[in-house]
Protein backbone atom coordinates (compact mmCIF):
# COMPACT_ATOMS: atom_id res chain seq x y z
CA MET A 1 88.95 81.60 98.08
CA VAL A 2 86.65 78.57 98.20
CA GLY A 3 83.68 78.83 95.86
CA LEU A 4 80.24 79.15 97.45
CA ASN A 5 77.07 77.79 95.91
CA LEU A 6 74.20 78.29 98.33
CA PRO A 7 70.64 77.13 97.70
CA GLU A 8 67.79 79.65 97.83
CA ILE A 9 67.52 81.32 101.21
CA PRO A 10 64.66 79.78 103.22
CA LEU A 11 61.97 82.32 104.13
CA PRO A 12 62.64 82.30 107.92
CA LEU A 13 66.27 83.30 107.16
CA LYS A 14 65.45 86.05 104.66
CA SER A 15 66.83 88.81 106.88
CA ILE A 16 70.40 87.53 106.38
CA GLU A 17 70.12 88.07 102.63
CA GLN A 18 71.57 91.59 102.74
CA SER A 19 74.78 90.56 104.53
CA LEU A 20 75.20 87.71 102.03
CA ARG A 21 74.73 90.16 99.14
CA ILE A 22 77.40 92.48 100.53
CA ALA A 23 79.67 89.44 101.00
CA SER A 24 79.28 88.53 97.32
CA VAL A 25 80.23 92.08 96.31
CA TYR A 26 83.45 91.75 98.30
CA ASP A 27 84.47 88.25 97.17
CA GLN A 28 87.02 89.68 94.76
CA ARG A 29 87.56 93.10 96.30
CA ASP A 30 88.29 92.06 99.88
CA PRO A 31 87.89 88.41 100.99
CA VAL A 32 88.23 89.46 104.64
CA VAL A 33 85.01 91.47 104.47
CA SER A 34 83.34 88.58 102.62
CA TYR A 35 84.33 86.14 105.34
CA TRP A 36 83.05 88.22 108.26
CA CYS A 37 79.81 89.19 106.49
CA ARG A 38 79.05 85.51 105.97
CA LEU A 39 80.01 84.65 109.54
CA TYR A 40 77.59 87.33 110.71
CA ALA A 41 74.93 85.86 108.41
CA LEU A 42 75.55 82.39 109.86
CA GLN A 43 75.32 83.53 113.47
CA THR A 44 72.16 85.50 112.75
CA GLY A 45 70.70 82.59 110.78
CA LEU A 46 71.31 80.15 113.61
CA LYS A 47 69.29 82.39 115.93
CA LEU A 48 66.45 82.70 113.41
CA SER A 49 66.33 79.08 112.30
CA THR A 50 63.17 77.07 112.94
CA LYS A 51 65.22 73.90 112.33
CA THR A 52 63.55 72.83 109.08
CA PRO A 53 65.65 70.58 106.77
CA GLU A 54 65.91 73.41 104.22
CA GLU A 55 67.21 75.86 106.80
CA THR A 56 69.64 73.34 108.29
CA ASN A 57 70.99 72.44 104.86
CA PHE A 58 71.47 76.11 103.98
CA LEU A 59 73.29 76.93 107.21
CA LEU A 60 75.49 73.83 107.01
CA LYS A 61 76.65 74.80 103.52
CA LEU A 62 77.44 78.28 104.78
CA MET A 63 79.27 76.82 107.77
CA ASP A 64 81.32 74.50 105.54
CA TRP A 65 82.39 77.47 103.40
CA LEU A 66 83.48 79.43 106.47
CA GLU A 67 85.52 76.53 107.82
CA MET A 68 87.25 75.90 104.49
CA THR A 69 87.94 79.59 103.96
CA LYS A 70 89.44 79.95 107.43
CA LYS A 71 91.76 76.99 106.78
CA GLU A 72 92.83 78.43 103.45
CA SER A 73 93.38 81.84 105.06
CA ARG A 74 95.42 80.70 108.07
CA ASP A 75 98.09 83.27 107.16
CA ASN A 76 95.60 86.13 106.94
CA GLU A 77 95.61 87.84 110.33
CA ALA A 78 92.44 89.77 109.57
CA ILE A 79 90.57 86.46 109.42
CA THR A 80 92.33 84.50 112.18
CA ASN A 81 92.92 87.29 114.72
CA ASP A 82 89.99 89.20 116.24
CA ALA A 83 91.97 92.38 116.90
CA ALA A 84 93.24 92.54 113.33
CA ALA A 85 89.79 91.70 111.98
CA GLN A 86 88.17 94.43 114.05
CA ALA A 87 90.64 97.04 112.77
CA HIS A 88 90.12 95.87 109.18
CA LEU A 89 86.33 95.99 109.34
CA GLU A 90 86.24 99.29 111.22
CA ASN A 91 88.44 100.79 108.53
CA TRP A 92 86.02 99.74 105.80
CA ALA A 93 82.91 100.79 107.71
CA GLU A 94 84.40 104.21 108.43
CA LYS A 95 85.52 104.77 104.85
CA ILE A 96 82.14 103.86 103.43
CA PHE A 97 80.39 106.01 105.98
CA LEU A 98 82.57 109.03 105.20
CA PHE A 99 82.00 108.66 101.47
CA ALA A 100 78.24 108.69 102.03
CA ASP A 101 78.33 111.46 104.62
CA THR A 102 80.62 113.71 102.57
CA ASN A 103 78.43 113.41 99.48
CA ASP A 104 75.27 113.81 101.52
CA ARG A 105 76.49 117.05 103.13
CA ALA A 106 77.66 118.34 99.74
CA SER A 107 74.12 117.73 98.39
CA ASN A 108 75.41 115.04 96.01
CA ILE A 109 72.63 112.74 97.19
CA THR A 110 71.96 109.68 95.01
CA LYS A 111 70.82 106.10 95.38
CA LYS A 112 74.46 105.16 95.65
CA VAL A 113 74.81 107.37 98.72
CA ALA A 114 71.81 105.59 100.29
CA GLN A 115 73.40 102.23 99.45
CA SER A 116 76.68 103.34 100.99
CA PHE A 117 75.01 104.43 104.22
CA PHE A 118 73.22 101.09 104.27
CA THR A 119 76.43 99.12 103.72
CA ALA A 120 78.24 101.06 106.46
CA GLY A 121 75.41 100.31 108.88
CA LEU A 122 75.53 96.65 107.99
CA LEU A 123 79.31 96.46 108.47
CA TYR A 124 78.88 97.90 111.96
CA ASP A 125 76.42 95.04 112.55
CA VAL A 126 79.07 92.61 111.31
CA LEU A 127 81.55 94.03 113.82
CA THR A 128 79.31 92.80 116.64
CA VAL A 129 80.45 89.26 115.75
CA ILE A 130 83.83 90.20 117.23
CA GLY A 131 82.68 92.20 120.23
CA GLU A 132 80.58 95.08 121.49
CA LEU A 133 80.61 98.28 119.48
CA SER A 134 82.05 101.44 120.96
CA GLU A 135 79.62 104.25 121.71
CA ASN A 136 80.87 106.13 118.64
CA ASP A 137 80.36 103.13 116.37
CA MET A 138 76.86 102.55 117.75
CA GLN A 139 75.99 106.15 116.93
CA LYS A 140 77.43 105.80 113.43
CA ARG A 141 75.49 102.58 112.85
CA LYS A 142 72.23 104.17 113.96
CA TYR A 143 72.79 107.28 111.86
CA ALA A 144 73.86 105.34 108.76
CA LYS A 145 70.78 103.11 108.83
CA TRP A 146 68.45 106.03 109.41
CA LYS A 147 70.08 108.10 106.66
CA ALA A 148 69.94 105.22 104.19
CA THR A 149 66.20 104.83 104.73
CA TYR A 150 65.51 108.55 104.70
CA ILE A 151 67.37 109.17 101.42
CA TYR A 152 65.93 106.12 99.70
CA ASN A 153 62.37 107.02 100.67
CA CYS A 154 62.85 110.63 99.52
CA LEU A 155 64.15 109.50 96.14
CA GLN A 156 61.34 106.97 95.77
CA ASN A 157 58.77 109.67 96.50
CA GLY A 158 60.35 112.26 94.21
CA GLU A 159 61.38 114.46 97.15
CA THR A 160 64.70 116.27 97.60
CA PRO A 161 66.55 114.88 100.64
CA ILE A 162 67.80 117.40 103.20
CA PRO A 163 71.60 117.13 103.54
CA GLY A 164 73.17 116.23 106.88
CA PRO A 165 71.54 115.45 110.23
CA ILE A 166 67.87 116.38 110.59
CA GLU A 167 65.04 115.39 112.88
CA GLU A 168 65.09 111.60 113.09
CA ASN A 169 61.68 109.95 112.84
CA THR A 170 61.93 106.44 111.48
CA ASP A 171 59.76 104.55 113.95
CA ASN A 172 57.46 103.37 111.17
CA ILE A 173 60.13 102.65 108.57
CA ASP A 174 61.27 99.12 107.80
CA LEU A 175 64.88 99.62 106.68
CA GLU A 176 65.39 96.12 105.30
CA LYS A 177 62.14 96.21 103.34
CA SER A 178 62.75 99.72 102.01
CA LEU A 179 66.18 98.88 100.61
CA GLU A 180 65.64 95.28 99.52
CA GLU A 181 64.57 96.10 95.96
CA GLU A 182 67.30 98.71 95.54
CA LEU A 183 70.04 96.37 96.75
CA ASN A 184 68.87 93.65 94.40
CA ASP A 185 69.59 95.98 91.50
CA SER A 186 72.77 97.37 93.01
CA VAL A 187 74.63 94.08 93.45
CA THR A 188 75.31 93.88 89.72
CA THR A 189 76.05 97.58 89.49
CA MET A 190 78.50 97.46 92.35
CA LYS A 191 80.49 94.76 90.58
CA THR A 192 81.16 97.00 87.60
CA LYS A 193 83.59 99.84 87.08
CA GLU A 194 80.67 102.23 87.21
CA GLU A 195 80.94 102.03 90.95
CA GLU A 196 83.51 104.54 92.15
CA GLU A 197 86.18 102.90 94.21
CA ALA A 198 86.35 105.55 96.80
CA PRO A 199 89.26 104.56 99.02
CA LEU A 200 88.72 100.93 99.87
CA ASN A 201 84.97 100.88 99.45
CA THR A 202 82.25 98.36 99.11
CA ASP A 203 79.74 100.17 97.12
CA GLY A 204 81.92 103.11 96.38
CA SER A 205 82.09 104.83 99.72
CA THR A 206 84.37 105.95 102.51
CA ASP A 207 84.43 107.20 106.09
CA SER A 208 85.62 107.98 109.56
CA HIS A 209 83.72 110.26 111.83
CA ASN A 210 81.64 110.18 114.99
CA ILE A 211 78.02 110.95 114.19
CA ASP A 212 76.74 112.81 117.22
CA SER A 213 80.23 114.05 118.02
CA PHE A 214 80.94 115.83 114.73
CA ASP A 215 82.91 118.99 115.42
CA SER A 216 80.91 122.21 115.58
CA THR A 217 81.53 123.05 111.94
CA ARG A 218 80.23 119.74 110.59
CA ASN A 219 77.39 119.66 113.09
CA SER A 220 75.81 122.94 112.05
CA THR A 221 73.86 121.66 109.06
CA SER A 222 71.02 124.03 109.79
CA LYS A 223 73.30 127.02 109.18
CA GLY A 224 73.35 127.18 105.40
CA ASN A 225 76.44 125.62 103.85
CA ALA A 226 78.42 125.22 107.06
CA GLY A 227 80.22 121.91 107.14
CA LYS A 228 79.65 121.12 103.47
CA LEU A 229 82.33 120.37 100.93
CA PRO A 230 82.13 122.04 97.52
CA SER A 231 80.29 119.81 95.07
CA ASP A 232 83.33 119.62 92.79
CA VAL A 233 85.58 118.21 95.51
CA LYS A 234 86.49 114.59 94.81
CA GLU A 235 87.23 111.94 97.43
CA ASP A 236 90.90 111.86 96.50
CA ASP A 237 91.11 115.65 96.87
CA TYR A 238 89.46 115.40 100.25
CA TYR A 239 92.01 112.93 101.54
CA THR A 240 95.27 114.19 100.12
CA THR A 241 95.42 117.31 102.29
CA LEU A 242 97.26 115.51 105.09
CA LYS A 243 101.03 115.99 105.21
CA THR A 244 103.92 114.80 107.37
CA GLU A 245 105.71 117.15 109.75
CA GLY A 246 108.23 117.73 106.95
CA GLY A 247 105.50 118.79 104.54
CA VAL A 248 105.41 115.60 102.44
CA GLU A 249 101.89 114.90 101.22
CA LEU A 250 100.47 111.58 102.37
CA SER A 251 98.59 109.40 99.94
CA LEU A 252 95.22 107.91 100.82
CA GLU A 253 96.79 104.46 101.08
CA GLN A 254 99.41 105.72 103.51
CA ILE A 255 96.75 107.33 105.70
CA ASN A 256 94.77 104.09 105.69
CA ASN A 257 97.86 102.06 106.58
CA ALA A 258 98.78 104.38 109.44
CA GLN A 259 95.26 104.04 110.86
CA LYS A 260 95.48 100.27 110.49
CA PHE A 261 98.83 99.99 112.31
CA ILE A 262 97.61 102.21 115.16
CA LYS A 263 94.50 100.05 115.62
CA TRP A 264 96.56 96.88 115.45
CA ALA A 265 98.86 98.27 118.12
CA GLY A 266 95.86 98.77 120.39
CA GLY A 267 94.68 95.24 119.64
CA ALA A 268 98.11 93.82 120.47
CA LEU A 269 98.03 95.53 123.87
CA ASN A 270 94.69 93.88 124.57
CA TYR A 271 96.57 90.60 124.29
CA ASP A 272 99.53 91.87 126.36
CA ASP A 273 101.78 91.69 123.32
CA VAL A 274 103.92 94.80 123.90
CA PRO A 275 106.58 94.00 121.24
CA LEU A 276 103.92 93.68 118.53
CA ALA A 277 102.26 96.90 119.71
CA VAL A 278 105.59 98.74 119.50
CA THR A 279 106.28 97.33 116.03
CA ASN A 280 102.91 98.51 114.73
CA LEU A 281 103.30 101.95 116.29
CA ARG A 282 106.73 102.31 114.68
CA LYS A 283 105.24 101.48 111.31
CA ALA A 284 102.52 104.09 111.80
CA LEU A 285 105.05 106.72 112.87
CA ASN A 286 107.28 105.86 109.94
CA ILE A 287 104.40 106.65 107.59
CA LEU A 288 103.27 109.81 109.38
CA THR A 289 106.74 111.32 109.82
CA LEU A 290 108.64 110.07 106.78
CA ALA A 291 105.85 109.07 104.37
CA LYS A 292 107.52 105.67 104.15
CA ASP A 293 105.48 102.48 104.07
CA SER A 294 107.99 100.29 105.91
CA ASP A 295 110.66 100.40 108.60
CA ASP A 296 113.37 100.21 105.99
């Protein structure tokens, strides 16, 4: 990937700093996420720009990086194809969200959980570069941002956060301001091994669930421990309960790949590419029925 050396962010563009920070975390972990986070930052920056020389210079350097990266990544479908990119980013956003939500509901509430909720919310913002969010994704984005702020403020004030959904009242909370200091510290932390690599995560998170449409068990947070996972359950344990029809246990990677192929099949149909849709569905079925990662 092309190196990026940006000057200091001009004050009028400060709000794009968080997406650029997340992009830097993903430079080595997942260049696709890096690319789209920076594209989101560019598009947002262009809307915010007051056209000063400093702002123009900053945005041009960012634009040059995006153009060079896209040329170098011409064989990477998740960068050159919107449908593939959407599936890729949704997968990450969902995984990070689930990591945060699972730990939150299990009362394992830490700064890292707040960071993970924040990152998931930001990745849903990034998805808007490709198209409108689904109703489910809009709900997840809203919930993730609210939860990130709520947990962070509780921890800052020495209070114990309440797990799961509670009365939302964040009208007077500035999410970006509340998390700015914490994210500054976390960028370095997230680059180290100390950060759990929960299945495919940015800051050590994972997900996939509709916020306001959680099933009745997960939705009943007010009823004691309903919907919570035991505190000793690890992410890997949580995911490896899925099995094929023949009883073969599916790995986390296989589950992720099956989800990816199903989403890609839907994207192919949007472009009237039936053969590609069929190919991707076959790959998904091959994983889910035979636990095999290819058509071979």
